[in-house]
Amino acid sequence: MKRIEIRYGGDSYSIGGREPGELMEAIAQAVDSGGAWLEVNDGEGQQRTAFIHVAPGTPIALILMPGSEGGPSDG
């Protein structure tokens, strides 16, 4: 299972169980469509479900957590 940290709006979130390439494609589709909501986890320890709005011009970073693989260079 993959765990990906997301930096968005100065805050950190995470997503588990998704491949990095799949997540990058979902973000690209959100941007291409003018914007969409992405379900993420918020919080340390007891996580809460959160939604972030991804749209054109929105800075977002994906960080693969140790032990995760499957980023853009993996094909």
N, C-alpha and C. Protein backbone atom coordinates (compact mmCIF):
# COMPACT_ATOMS: atom_id res chain seq x y z
N MET A 1 0.85 -1.18 0.00
CA MET A 1 0.00 0.00 0.00
C MET A 1 0.89 1.24 0.00
N LYS A 2 0.59 2.18 -0.83
CA LYS A 2 1.37 3.40 -0.95
C LYS A 2 0.83 4.46 0.00
N ARG A 3 1.73 5.32 0.48
CA ARG A 3 1.30 6.48 1.26
C ARG A 3 1.97 7.68 0.64
N ILE A 4 1.18 8.66 0.30
CA ILE A 4 1.67 9.86 -0.37
C ILE A 4 1.30 11.06 0.48
N GLU A 5 2.30 11.88 0.78
CA GLU A 5 2.05 13.13 1.49
C GLU A 5 1.74 14.20 0.46
N ILE A 6 0.81 15.07 0.79
CA ILE A 6 0.42 16.17 -0.09
C ILE A 6 0.63 17.48 0.65
N ARG A 7 1.28 18.41 0.00
CA ARG A 7 1.42 19.76 0.54
C ARG A 7 0.50 20.65 -0.29
N TYR A 8 -0.40 21.33 0.41
CA TYR A 8 -1.43 22.12 -0.26
C TYR A 8 -1.82 23.27 0.65
N GLY A 9 -1.73 24.49 0.17
CA GLY A 9 -2.14 25.65 0.96
C GLY A 9 -1.36 25.82 2.24
N GLY A 10 -0.10 25.37 2.27
CA GLY A 10 0.71 25.49 3.46
C GLY A 10 0.48 24.40 4.50
N ASP A 11 -0.41 23.46 4.22
CA ASP A 11 -0.70 22.37 5.14
C ASP A 11 -0.30 21.04 4.52
N SER A 12 -0.13 20.03 5.37
CA SER A 12 0.21 18.68 4.91
C SER A 12 -0.98 17.75 5.08
N TYR A 13 -1.22 16.95 4.07
CA TYR A 13 -2.27 15.94 4.08
C TYR A 13 -1.64 14.65 3.59
N SER A 14 -2.39 13.56 3.61
CA SER A 14 -1.86 12.31 3.08
C SER A 14 -2.98 11.53 2.39
N ILE A 15 -2.54 10.62 1.53
CA ILE A 15 -3.44 9.70 0.85
C ILE A 15 -2.78 8.33 0.91
N GLY A 16 -3.53 7.32 1.25
CA GLY A 16 -3.01 5.96 1.28
C GLY A 16 -3.74 5.09 0.28
N GLY A 17 -3.05 4.04 -0.18
CA GLY A 17 -3.70 3.05 -1.03
C GLY A 17 -3.86 3.44 -2.48
N ARG A 18 -3.20 4.50 -2.92
CA ARG A 18 -3.27 4.90 -4.33
C ARG A 18 -1.88 4.92 -4.92
N GLU A 19 -1.78 4.57 -6.17
CA GLU A 19 -0.51 4.64 -6.88
C GLU A 19 -0.21 6.10 -7.20
N PRO A 20 1.05 6.51 -7.10
CA PRO A 20 1.41 7.90 -7.41
C PRO A 20 0.97 8.33 -8.81
N GLY A 21 1.18 7.48 -9.80
CA GLY A 21 0.79 7.82 -11.17
C GLY A 21 -0.71 8.03 -11.31
N GLU A 22 -1.49 7.20 -10.62
CA GLU A 22 -2.95 7.32 -10.63
C GLU A 22 -3.37 8.65 -10.00
N LEU A 23 -2.72 9.02 -8.90
CA LEU A 23 -3.05 10.28 -8.23
C LEU A 23 -2.66 11.48 -9.10
N MET A 24 -1.49 11.41 -9.73
CA MET A 24 -1.08 12.51 -10.62
C MET A 24 -2.04 12.66 -11.79
N GLU A 25 -2.53 11.55 -12.32
CA GLU A 25 -3.51 11.60 -13.41
C GLU A 25 -4.82 12.23 -12.92
N ALA A 26 -5.27 11.88 -11.72
CA ALA A 26 -6.50 12.46 -11.17
C ALA A 26 -6.35 13.97 -10.98
N ILE A 27 -5.17 14.40 -10.53
CA ILE A 27 -4.92 15.83 -10.36
C ILE A 27 -4.90 16.53 -11.71
N ALA A 28 -4.25 15.92 -12.71
CA ALA A 28 -4.21 16.51 -14.05
C ALA A 28 -5.62 16.64 -14.63
N GLN A 29 -6.45 15.63 -14.42
CA GLN A 29 -7.84 15.69 -14.90
C GLN A 29 -8.62 16.80 -14.19
N ALA A 30 -8.38 16.96 -12.89
CA ALA A 30 -9.05 18.02 -12.14
C ALA A 30 -8.67 19.39 -12.69
N VAL A 31 -7.39 19.57 -12.97
CA VAL A 31 -6.92 20.85 -13.52
C VAL A 31 -7.51 21.07 -14.90
N ASP A 32 -7.47 20.03 -15.75
CA ASP A 32 -8.00 20.16 -17.12
C ASP A 32 -9.49 20.47 -17.14
N SER A 33 -10.23 20.00 -16.14
CA SER A 33 -11.68 20.22 -16.11
C SER A 33 -12.07 21.54 -15.43
N GLY A 34 -11.07 22.29 -14.97
CA GLY A 34 -11.35 23.56 -14.32
C GLY A 34 -11.39 23.47 -12.80
N GLY A 35 -11.31 22.27 -12.26
CA GLY A 35 -11.26 22.10 -10.80
C GLY A 35 -12.10 20.93 -10.34
N ALA A 36 -11.65 20.29 -9.26
CA ALA A 36 -12.38 19.17 -8.67
C ALA A 36 -11.90 18.98 -7.24
N TRP A 37 -12.71 18.30 -6.45
CA TRP A 37 -12.37 18.01 -5.06
C TRP A 37 -11.60 16.70 -4.98
N LEU A 38 -10.60 16.67 -4.12
CA LEU A 38 -9.78 15.48 -3.89
C LEU A 38 -9.90 15.09 -2.42
N GLU A 39 -10.28 13.84 -2.15
CA GLU A 39 -10.41 13.37 -0.77
C GLU A 39 -9.03 12.99 -0.23
N VAL A 40 -8.69 13.53 0.93
CA VAL A 40 -7.38 13.30 1.55
C VAL A 40 -7.58 13.03 3.04
N ASN A 41 -6.49 12.68 3.73
CA ASN A 41 -6.51 12.50 5.18
C ASN A 41 -5.84 13.71 5.83
N ASP A 42 -6.40 14.16 6.92
CA ASP A 42 -5.85 15.28 7.68
C ASP A 42 -5.58 14.81 9.10
N GLY A 43 -4.46 15.24 9.65
CA GLY A 43 -4.19 14.96 11.06
C GLY A 43 -3.16 13.87 11.27
N GLU A 44 -2.52 13.96 12.42
CA GLU A 44 -1.56 12.95 12.87
C GLU A 44 -2.26 12.05 13.87
N GLY A 45 -1.93 10.78 13.87
CA GLY A 45 -2.59 9.86 14.79
C GLY A 45 -4.00 9.56 14.33
N GLN A 46 -4.97 10.23 14.93
CA GLN A 46 -6.36 10.04 14.51
C GLN A 46 -6.62 10.91 13.28
N GLN A 47 -6.70 10.26 12.13
CA GLN A 47 -6.90 11.01 10.90
C GLN A 47 -8.36 11.34 10.68
N ARG A 48 -8.56 12.47 10.02
CA ARG A 48 -9.90 12.92 9.65
C ARG A 48 -9.94 13.04 8.13
N THR A 49 -11.09 12.77 7.55
CA THR A 49 -11.27 12.95 6.12
C THR A 49 -11.38 14.43 5.83
N ALA A 50 -10.66 14.87 4.80
CA ALA A 50 -10.71 16.27 4.37
C ALA A 50 -10.82 16.28 2.85
N PHE A 51 -11.25 17.40 2.31
CA PHE A 51 -11.35 17.56 0.86
C PHE A 51 -10.62 18.83 0.48
N ILE A 52 -9.75 18.73 -0.53
CA ILE A 52 -9.05 19.91 -1.04
C ILE A 52 -9.49 20.13 -2.48
N HIS A 53 -9.61 21.39 -2.86
CA HIS A 53 -10.05 21.72 -4.22
C HIS A 53 -8.82 21.97 -5.09
N VAL A 54 -8.66 21.13 -6.10
CA VAL A 54 -7.53 21.23 -7.03
C VAL A 54 -8.04 21.88 -8.30
N ALA A 55 -7.39 22.97 -8.71
CA ALA A 55 -7.82 23.73 -9.88
C ALA A 55 -6.60 24.34 -10.56
N PRO A 56 -6.77 24.86 -11.78
CA PRO A 56 -5.65 25.50 -12.45
C PRO A 56 -5.04 26.60 -11.58
N GLY A 57 -3.72 26.63 -11.50
CA GLY A 57 -3.02 27.65 -10.73
C GLY A 57 -2.88 27.34 -9.25
N THR A 58 -3.41 26.20 -8.80
CA THR A 58 -3.31 25.81 -7.40
C THR A 58 -2.01 25.06 -7.17
N PRO A 59 -1.10 25.60 -6.34
CA PRO A 59 0.14 24.86 -6.06
C PRO A 59 -0.14 23.62 -5.20
N ILE A 60 0.38 22.49 -5.64
CA ILE A 60 0.22 21.24 -4.90
C ILE A 60 1.48 20.42 -5.11
N ALA A 61 1.94 19.75 -4.06
CA ALA A 61 3.13 18.90 -4.16
C ALA A 61 2.80 17.52 -3.62
N LEU A 62 3.32 16.49 -4.28
CA LEU A 62 3.17 15.11 -3.84
C LEU A 62 4.53 14.61 -3.40
N ILE A 63 4.61 14.03 -2.21
CA ILE A 63 5.86 13.50 -1.68
C ILE A 63 5.64 12.02 -1.36
N LEU A 64 6.42 11.15 -2.01
CA LEU A 64 6.32 9.73 -1.73
C LEU A 64 6.97 9.44 -0.38
N MET A 65 6.27 8.74 0.47
CA MET A 65 6.79 8.40 1.79
C MET A 65 7.78 7.24 1.65
N PRO A 66 8.72 7.11 2.58
CA PRO A 66 9.71 6.03 2.50
C PRO A 66 9.04 4.67 2.30
N GLY A 67 9.61 3.90 1.39
CA GLY A 67 9.06 2.58 1.09
C GLY A 67 8.05 2.61 -0.03
N SER A 68 7.62 3.80 -0.45
CA SER A 68 6.69 3.91 -1.57
C SER A 68 7.49 3.97 -2.85
N GLU A 69 6.90 3.51 -3.92
CA GLU A 69 7.54 3.58 -5.22
C GLU A 69 6.46 3.81 -6.25
N GLY A 70 6.85 3.97 -7.51
CA GLY A 70 5.86 4.13 -8.56
C GLY A 70 5.67 5.54 -9.00
N GLY A 71 6.66 6.41 -8.77
CA GLY A 71 6.59 7.79 -9.22
C GLY A 71 6.78 7.91 -10.71
N PRO A 72 6.86 9.12 -11.21
CA PRO A 72 6.94 9.36 -12.65
C PRO A 72 8.09 8.63 -13.33
N SER A 73 9.24 8.49 -12.66
CA SER A 73 10.39 7.86 -13.30
C SER A 73 10.28 6.34 -13.34
N ASP A 74 9.29 5.77 -12.66
CA ASP A 74 9.12 4.32 -12.64
C ASP A 74 8.34 3.79 -13.83
N GLY A 75 7.88 4.69 -14.70
CA GLY A 75 7.18 4.26 -15.90
C GLY A 75 5.74 4.24 -15.69
